[in-house]
Amino acid sequence: MATPFIHSNGTIPQIDFGTSQGGVISLTAVDGTANETITLPPESCGLMGVIFQQLDSKVVSNTTAETSQLGTGGADDTKIIPANMAQAGQCYFIRLSGFISSTGTPTGTLRIKMGSTNLVVSGPTTLPSGLTNAFVETVFHLTVRSTGALGTVIGQGHTKLIVGALGTTYNRQLTMTAPATIDFTVDQAIDVTYQWGTADPANSLTITNSMIQVAR
């Protein structure tokens, strides 16, 4: 009977998914007589699970410049799909939540991006008057249909804005009517941006929570 392989500390071998170097499996026989390290190329692994969670609050305020809504993640977090790591059928779930305030009725434009490509441009949309710390949430589901230099993706989603004590809800559609072409032979960063139509200190969007999750 073959001797089972485990880590020298007795734990079950684990594959380090989701790095640009691919996966690494370290195996050691129970009796210590054999050991082996297997390195898997990136295209054999792919990203998996939650790859990004922000650890701070990201504020977009008093500017008309297009600005990322995603904050800073941990040391192992990434918003980047490394070159040649995408796989057909991968699904990326993007979720952001926080609160928004405004003066008057400014406009806002939201973009879902992969690298320099705009997957969705929503707006400029006029906001309800005089928001004060109103709950806001963005959800987007993105699927890789094909890979390579002429890879394709398509996704759908929405934003939700809840205003006032009685919870009046406003929804914004984030719709892709056709796949977008993405070059997956190079790194591609996932981003969600916001752009105010008017710069004012009272026009402020704060994202307190964001997450990118990958399923296959």
C-alpha atoms as a PDB file:
ATOM      1  CA  MET A   1       0.000   0.000   0.000  1.00  0.00           C
ATOM      2  CA  ALA A   2       1.311   3.440  -0.868  1.00  0.00           C
ATOM      3  CA  THR A   3       2.317   5.616   2.058  1.00  0.00           C
ATOM      4  CA  PRO A   4      -0.082   8.619   2.321  1.00  0.00           C
ATOM      5  CA  PHE A   5       1.431  12.079   1.988  1.00  0.00           C
ATOM      6  CA  ILE A   6       0.803  14.790   4.553  1.00  0.00           C
ATOM      7  CA  HIS A   7       2.608  17.938   5.641  1.00  0.00           C
ATOM      8  CA  SER A   8       5.437  17.318   8.116  1.00  0.00           C
ATOM      9  CA  ASN A   9       3.328  19.116  10.763  1.00  0.00           C
ATOM     10  CA  GLY A  10       0.492  16.633  10.239  1.00  0.00           C
ATOM     11  CA  THR A  11      -1.850  18.901   8.292  1.00  0.00           C
ATOM     12  CA  ILE A  12      -3.520  18.014   5.000  1.00  0.00           C
ATOM     13  CA  PRO A  13      -1.653  19.350   1.941  1.00  0.00           C
ATOM     14  CA  GLN A  14      -3.112  22.596   0.633  1.00  0.00           C
ATOM     15  CA  ILE A  15      -2.911  24.207  -2.784  1.00  0.00           C
ATOM     16  CA  ASP A  16      -2.109  27.919  -2.748  1.00  0.00           C
ATOM     17  CA  PHE A  17      -4.654  29.013  -5.370  1.00  0.00           C
ATOM     18  CA  GLY A  18      -4.862  32.502  -6.757  1.00  0.00           C
ATOM     19  CA  THR A  19      -1.265  33.615  -7.193  1.00  0.00           C
ATOM     20  CA  SER A  20       0.397  34.611 -10.437  1.00  0.00           C
ATOM     21  CA  GLN A  21       2.924  31.815  -9.809  1.00  0.00           C
ATOM     22  CA  GLY A  22       0.227  29.127  -9.838  1.00  0.00           C
ATOM     23  CA  GLY A  23      -0.354  26.569  -7.126  1.00  0.00           C
ATOM     24  CA  VAL A  24       2.233  24.873  -4.922  1.00  0.00           C
ATOM     25  CA  ILE A  25       1.688  21.518  -3.184  1.00  0.00           C
ATOM     26  CA  SER A  26       4.201  20.385  -0.568  1.00  0.00           C
ATOM     27  CA  LEU A  27       3.947  16.685   0.288  1.00  0.00           C
ATOM     28  CA  THR A  28       5.777  14.690   2.959  1.00  0.00           C
ATOM     29  CA  ALA A  29       5.330  10.975   3.733  1.00  0.00           C
ATOM     30  CA  VAL A  30       4.025  10.047   7.166  1.00  0.00           C
ATOM     31  CA  ASP A  31       7.227   8.156   7.956  1.00  0.00           C
ATOM     32  CA  GLY A  32       9.401  11.003   6.650  1.00  0.00           C
ATOM     33  CA  THR A  33      11.061   8.851   4.009  1.00  0.00           C
ATOM     34  CA  ALA A  34       9.855  10.880   1.032  1.00  0.00           C
ATOM     35  CA  ASN A  35       8.889  14.419   0.183  1.00  0.00           C
ATOM     36  CA  GLU A  36       7.948  16.235  -2.968  1.00  0.00           C
ATOM     37  CA  THR A  37       6.948  19.721  -4.043  1.00  0.00           C
ATOM     38  CA  ILE A  38       4.682  20.089  -7.054  1.00  0.00           C
ATOM     39  CA  THR A  39       4.288  23.462  -8.761  1.00  0.00           C
ATOM     40  CA  LEU A  40       1.233  23.956 -10.935  1.00  0.00           C
ATOM     41  CA  PRO A  41       1.179  26.625 -13.671  1.00  0.00           C
ATOM     42  CA  PRO A  42      -1.329  29.499 -13.332  1.00  0.00           C
ATOM     43  CA  GLU A  43      -3.551  28.178 -16.103  1.00  0.00           C
ATOM     44  CA  SER A  44      -4.018  24.933 -14.125  1.00  0.00           C
ATOM     45  CA  CYS A  45      -5.192  26.730 -10.992  1.00  0.00           C
ATOM     46  CA  GLY A  46      -7.178  29.901 -11.601  1.00  0.00           C
ATOM     47  CA  LEU A  47      -8.450  32.308  -8.986  1.00  0.00           C
ATOM     48  CA  MET A  48     -10.884  30.909  -6.445  1.00  0.00           C
ATOM     49  CA  GLY A  49     -12.929  32.129  -3.498  1.00  0.00           C
ATOM     50  CA  VAL A  50     -12.858  35.619  -2.029  1.00  0.00           C
ATOM     51  CA  ILE A  51      -9.888  37.383  -3.630  1.00  0.00           C
ATOM     52  CA  PHE A  52     -10.494  40.889  -2.282  1.00  0.00           C
ATOM     53  CA  GLN A  53     -12.008  42.478   0.825  1.00  0.00           C
ATOM     54  CA  GLN A  54     -11.265  46.087   1.703  1.00  0.00           C
ATOM     55  CA  LEU A  55      -9.983  46.943   5.164  1.00  0.00           C
ATOM     56  CA  ASP A  56     -10.665  50.676   5.159  1.00  0.00           C
ATOM     57  CA  SER A  57     -13.318  53.173   4.064  1.00  0.00           C
ATOM     58  CA  LYS A  58     -12.989  54.679   0.606  1.00  0.00           C
ATOM     59  CA  VAL A  59     -14.334  58.240   0.265  1.00  0.00           C
ATOM     60  CA  VAL A  60     -15.137  59.931  -3.063  1.00  0.00           C
ATOM     61  CA  SER A  61     -15.871  63.583  -2.265  1.00  0.00           C
ATOM     62  CA  ASN A  62     -15.447  67.168  -3.513  1.00  0.00           C
ATOM     63  CA  THR A  63     -14.176  66.134  -6.947  1.00  0.00           C
ATOM     64  CA  THR A  64     -15.480  65.602 -10.476  1.00  0.00           C
ATOM     65  CA  ALA A  65     -12.672  63.175 -11.336  1.00  0.00           C
ATOM     66  CA  GLU A  66     -13.515  59.525 -11.965  1.00  0.00           C
ATOM     67  CA  THR A  67     -12.412  57.773  -8.761  1.00  0.00           C
ATOM     68  CA  SER A  68     -12.232  54.133  -7.688  1.00  0.00           C
ATOM     69  CA  GLN A  69     -14.741  53.085  -5.044  1.00  0.00           C
ATOM     70  CA  LEU A  70     -12.596  50.151  -3.925  1.00  0.00           C
ATOM     71  CA  GLY A  71     -10.464  50.665  -0.835  1.00  0.00           C
ATOM     72  CA  THR A  72      -7.287  48.937   0.326  1.00  0.00           C
ATOM     73  CA  GLY A  73      -7.276  45.179   0.867  1.00  0.00           C
ATOM     74  CA  GLY A  74      -5.054  42.929   2.925  1.00  0.00           C
ATOM     75  CA  ALA A  75      -1.588  41.714   1.995  1.00  0.00           C
ATOM     76  CA  ASP A  76      -2.945  38.697   0.091  1.00  0.00           C
ATOM     77  CA  ASP A  77      -5.924  40.461  -1.495  1.00  0.00           C
ATOM     78  CA  THR A  78      -6.012  41.338  -5.170  1.00  0.00           C
ATOM     79  CA  LYS A  79      -8.320  43.108  -7.629  1.00  0.00           C
ATOM     80  CA  ILE A  80      -6.216  41.867 -10.533  1.00  0.00           C
ATOM     81  CA  ILE A  81      -6.824  38.885 -12.788  1.00  0.00           C
ATOM     82  CA  PRO A  82      -3.225  37.870 -13.628  1.00  0.00           C
ATOM     83  CA  ALA A  83      -2.229  37.239 -17.237  1.00  0.00           C
ATOM     84  CA  ASN A  84      -3.470  33.860 -18.519  1.00  0.00           C
ATOM     85  CA  MET A  85      -5.260  33.117 -15.232  1.00  0.00           C
ATOM     86  CA  ALA A  86      -8.833  33.659 -16.467  1.00  0.00           C
ATOM     87  CA  GLN A  87     -10.882  30.578 -17.287  1.00  0.00           C
ATOM     88  CA  ALA A  88     -14.007  30.257 -19.391  1.00  0.00           C
ATOM     89  CA  GLY A  89     -16.937  29.872 -17.035  1.00  0.00           C
ATOM     90  CA  GLN A  90     -15.388  31.785 -14.135  1.00  0.00           C
ATOM     91  CA  CYS A  91     -17.889  34.013 -12.348  1.00  0.00           C
ATOM     92  CA  TYR A  92     -16.849  37.184 -10.516  1.00  0.00           C
ATOM     93  CA  PHE A  93     -19.209  38.542  -7.876  1.00  0.00           C
ATOM     94  CA  ILE A  94     -18.571  42.191  -6.976  1.00  0.00           C
ATOM     95  CA  ARG A  95     -20.367  43.798  -4.036  1.00  0.00           C
ATOM     96  CA  LEU A  96     -19.911  47.236  -2.457  1.00  0.00           C
ATOM     97  CA  SER A  97     -21.890  48.989   0.273  1.00  0.00           C
ATOM     98  CA  GLY A  98     -21.699  52.244   2.179  1.00  0.00           C
ATOM     99  CA  PHE A  99     -23.485  55.589   2.393  1.00  0.00           C
ATOM    100  CA  ILE A 100     -23.883  58.743   0.318  1.00  0.00           C
ATOM    101  CA  SER A 101     -24.628  62.407   1.060  1.00  0.00           C
ATOM    102  CA  SER A 102     -25.219  65.343  -1.258  1.00  0.00           C
ATOM    103  CA  THR A 103     -26.323  68.948  -1.540  1.00  0.00           C
ATOM    104  CA  GLY A 104     -28.942  69.931  -4.093  1.00  0.00           C
ATOM    105  CA  THR A 105     -29.470  67.403  -6.887  1.00  0.00           C
ATOM    106  CA  PRO A 106     -26.038  66.568  -8.305  1.00  0.00           C
ATOM    107  CA  THR A 107     -25.429  63.869 -10.894  1.00  0.00           C
ATOM    108  CA  GLY A 108     -23.351  60.747 -10.479  1.00  0.00           C
ATOM    109  CA  THR A 109     -21.828  58.327 -12.982  1.00  0.00           C
ATOM    110  CA  LEU A 110     -20.919  54.771 -12.046  1.00  0.00           C
ATOM    111  CA  ARG A 111     -18.618  52.573 -14.118  1.00  0.00           C
ATOM    112  CA  ILE A 112     -17.775  48.870 -13.947  1.00  0.00           C
ATOM    113  CA  LYS A 113     -14.298  48.386 -15.418  1.00  0.00           C
ATOM    114  CA  MET A 114     -11.847  45.687 -16.357  1.00  0.00           C
ATOM    115  CA  GLY A 115      -8.479  47.264 -17.038  1.00  0.00           C
ATOM    116  CA  SER A 116      -9.104  50.297 -19.249  1.00  0.00           C
ATOM    117  CA  THR A 117     -12.327  48.827 -20.668  1.00  0.00           C
ATOM    118  CA  ASN A 118     -15.666  50.181 -19.457  1.00  0.00           C
ATOM    119  CA  LEU A 119     -18.012  47.221 -19.123  1.00  0.00           C
ATOM    120  CA  VAL A 120     -20.876  49.440 -17.920  1.00  0.00           C
ATOM    121  CA  VAL A 121     -21.247  53.225 -17.852  1.00  0.00           C
ATOM    122  CA  SER A 122     -24.343  54.261 -15.886  1.00  0.00           C
ATOM    123  CA  GLY A 123     -25.086  57.954 -15.820  1.00  0.00           C
ATOM    124  CA  PRO A 124     -24.807  60.771 -15.341  1.00  0.00           C
ATOM    125  CA  THR A 125     -27.895  60.186 -13.207  1.00  0.00           C
ATOM    126  CA  THR A 126     -29.545  62.902 -11.120  1.00  0.00           C
ATOM    127  CA  LEU A 127     -29.654  61.966  -7.437  1.00  0.00           C
ATOM    128  CA  PRO A 128     -32.560  62.658  -5.063  1.00  0.00           C
ATOM    129  CA  SER A 129     -32.318  66.013  -3.308  1.00  0.00           C
ATOM    130  CA  GLY A 130     -30.264  66.524  -0.160  1.00  0.00           C
ATOM    131  CA  LEU A 131     -29.109  63.023   0.742  1.00  0.00           C
ATOM    132  CA  THR A 132     -27.759  62.459   4.258  1.00  0.00           C
ATOM    133  CA  ASN A 133     -25.855  59.222   4.870  1.00  0.00           C
ATOM    134  CA  ALA A 134     -28.253  57.254   2.667  1.00  0.00           C
ATOM    135  CA  PHE A 135     -27.488  53.553   2.289  1.00  0.00           C
ATOM    136  CA  VAL A 136     -26.005  52.608  -1.085  1.00  0.00           C
ATOM    137  CA  GLU A 137     -25.108  49.211  -2.509  1.00  0.00           C
ATOM    138  CA  THR A 138     -23.662  48.006  -5.819  1.00  0.00           C
ATOM    139  CA  VAL A 139     -23.870  44.378  -6.929  1.00  0.00           C
ATOM    140  CA  PHE A 140     -22.447  43.048 -10.211  1.00  0.00           C
ATOM    141  CA  HIS A 141     -22.139  39.477 -11.518  1.00  0.00           C
ATOM    142  CA  LEU A 142     -19.549  38.985 -14.266  1.00  0.00           C
ATOM    143  CA  THR A 143     -18.879  35.809 -16.281  1.00  0.00           C
ATOM    144  CA  VAL A 144     -15.837  34.992 -18.422  1.00  0.00           C
ATOM    145  CA  ARG A 145     -17.110  33.436 -21.645  1.00  0.00           C
ATOM    146  CA  SER A 146     -13.785  32.980 -23.418  1.00  0.00           C
ATOM    147  CA  THR A 147     -10.103  33.649 -22.768  1.00  0.00           C
ATOM    148  CA  GLY A 148      -6.964  34.614 -24.696  1.00  0.00           C
ATOM    149  CA  ALA A 149      -6.140  37.903 -26.410  1.00  0.00           C
ATOM    150  CA  LEU A 150      -9.733  38.193 -27.632  1.00  0.00           C
ATOM    151  CA  GLY A 151     -11.432  36.973 -24.474  1.00  0.00           C
ATOM    152  CA  THR A 152     -15.014  37.952 -23.720  1.00  0.00           C
ATOM    153  CA  VAL A 153     -16.998  38.766 -20.588  1.00  0.00           C
ATOM    154  CA  ILE A 154     -20.590  39.703 -19.865  1.00  0.00           C
ATOM    155  CA  GLY A 155     -22.311  40.747 -16.662  1.00  0.00           C
ATOM    156  CA  GLN A 156     -25.384  42.290 -15.085  1.00  0.00           C
ATOM    157  CA  GLY A 157     -26.082  44.118 -11.853  1.00  0.00           C
ATOM    158  CA  HIS A 158     -27.676  47.049 -10.091  1.00  0.00           C
ATOM    159  CA  THR A 159     -27.200  49.730  -7.491  1.00  0.00           C
ATOM    160  CA  LYS A 160     -29.613  50.331  -4.633  1.00  0.00           C
ATOM    161  CA  LEU A 161     -30.134  53.643  -2.826  1.00  0.00           C
ATOM    162  CA  ILE A 162     -32.369  53.755   0.272  1.00  0.00           C
ATOM    163  CA  VAL A 163     -33.450  57.234   1.401  1.00  0.00           C
ATOM    164  CA  GLY A 164     -35.196  58.376   4.568  1.00  0.00           C
ATOM    165  CA  ALA A 165     -36.559  56.707   7.681  1.00  0.00           C
ATOM    166  CA  LEU A 166     -39.310  54.950   5.711  1.00  0.00           C
ATOM    167  CA  GLY A 167     -36.780  53.559   3.284  1.00  0.00           C
ATOM    168  CA  THR A 168     -37.722  54.927  -0.144  1.00  0.00           C
ATOM    169  CA  THR A 169     -35.668  52.803  -2.546  1.00  0.00           C
ATOM    170  CA  TYR A 170     -34.123  53.833  -5.863  1.00  0.00           C
ATOM    171  CA  ASN A 171     -32.544  51.235  -8.165  1.00  0.00           C
ATOM    172  CA  ARG A 172     -30.128  51.768 -11.020  1.00  0.00           C
ATOM    173  CA  GLN A 173     -29.662  49.069 -13.644  1.00  0.00           C
ATOM    174  CA  LEU A 174     -26.123  48.049 -14.613  1.00  0.00           C
ATOM    175  CA  THR A 175     -26.757  46.251 -17.883  1.00  0.00           C
ATOM    176  CA  MET A 176     -24.486  44.733 -20.518  1.00  0.00           C
ATOM    177  CA  THR A 177     -26.435  43.960 -23.708  1.00  0.00           C
ATOM    178  CA  ALA A 178     -23.476  42.248 -25.405  1.00  0.00           C
ATOM    179  CA  PRO A 179     -20.150  40.720 -24.315  1.00  0.00           C
ATOM    180  CA  ALA A 180     -17.073  42.952 -24.056  1.00  0.00           C
ATOM    181  CA  THR A 181     -13.696  41.937 -25.489  1.00  0.00           C
ATOM    182  CA  ILE A 182     -10.864  41.654 -22.935  1.00  0.00           C
ATOM    183  CA  ASP A 183      -7.219  40.698 -23.512  1.00  0.00           C
ATOM    184  CA  PHE A 184      -6.602  38.039 -20.862  1.00  0.00           C
ATOM    185  CA  THR A 185      -2.984  37.499 -21.923  1.00  0.00           C
ATOM    186  CA  VAL A 186      -2.130  40.555 -19.780  1.00  0.00           C
ATOM    187  CA  ASP A 187      -3.099  41.517 -16.221  1.00  0.00           C
ATOM    188  CA  GLN A 188      -6.603  42.958 -15.934  1.00  0.00           C
ATOM    189  CA  ALA A 189      -7.716  44.957 -12.888  1.00  0.00           C
ATOM    190  CA  ILE A 190     -11.350  44.897 -11.746  1.00  0.00           C
ATOM    191  CA  ASP A 191     -12.665  48.281 -10.639  1.00  0.00           C
ATOM    192  CA  VAL A 192     -15.875  50.128  -9.806  1.00  0.00           C
ATOM    193  CA  THR A 193     -15.635  53.912 -10.094  1.00  0.00           C
ATOM    194  CA  TYR A 194     -17.802  56.924  -9.282  1.00  0.00           C
ATOM    195  CA  GLN A 195     -17.798  60.398 -10.767  1.00  0.00           C
ATOM    196  CA  TRP A 196     -19.671  63.350  -9.302  1.00  0.00           C
ATOM    197  CA  GLY A 197     -21.088  65.941 -11.695  1.00  0.00           C
ATOM    198  CA  THR A 198     -20.408  68.731  -9.188  1.00  0.00           C
ATOM    199  CA  ALA A 199     -17.466  69.130  -6.831  1.00  0.00           C
ATOM    200  CA  ASP A 200     -18.651  70.054  -3.337  1.00  0.00           C
ATOM    201  CA  PRO A 201     -17.533  68.869   0.128  1.00  0.00           C
ATOM    202  CA  ALA A 202     -21.150  67.921   0.819  1.00  0.00           C
ATOM    203  CA  ASN A 203     -21.176  65.567  -2.179  1.00  0.00           C
ATOM    204  CA  SER A 204     -19.621  62.523  -0.601  1.00  0.00           C
ATOM    205  CA  LEU A 205     -19.743  58.775  -1.246  1.00  0.00           C
ATOM    206  CA  THR A 206     -18.224  56.478   1.397  1.00  0.00           C
ATOM    207  CA  ILE A 207     -17.750  52.767   0.688  1.00  0.00           C
ATOM    208  CA  THR A 208     -17.188  50.883   3.943  1.00  0.00           C
ATOM    209  CA  ASN A 209     -17.385  47.324   2.609  1.00  0.00           C
ATOM    210  CA  SER A 210     -16.394  45.757  -0.693  1.00  0.00           C
ATOM    211  CA  MET A 211     -15.701  42.223  -1.827  1.00  0.00           C
ATOM    212  CA  ILE A 212     -14.732  40.386  -5.009  1.00  0.00           C
ATOM    213  CA  GLN A 213     -15.434  36.658  -5.068  1.00  0.00           C
ATOM    214  CA  VAL A 214     -14.611  34.120  -7.781  1.00  0.00           C
ATOM    215  CA  ALA A 215     -16.506  30.891  -8.459  1.00  0.00           C
ATOM    216  CA  ARG A 216     -15.921  28.228 -11.065  1.00  0.00           C
END
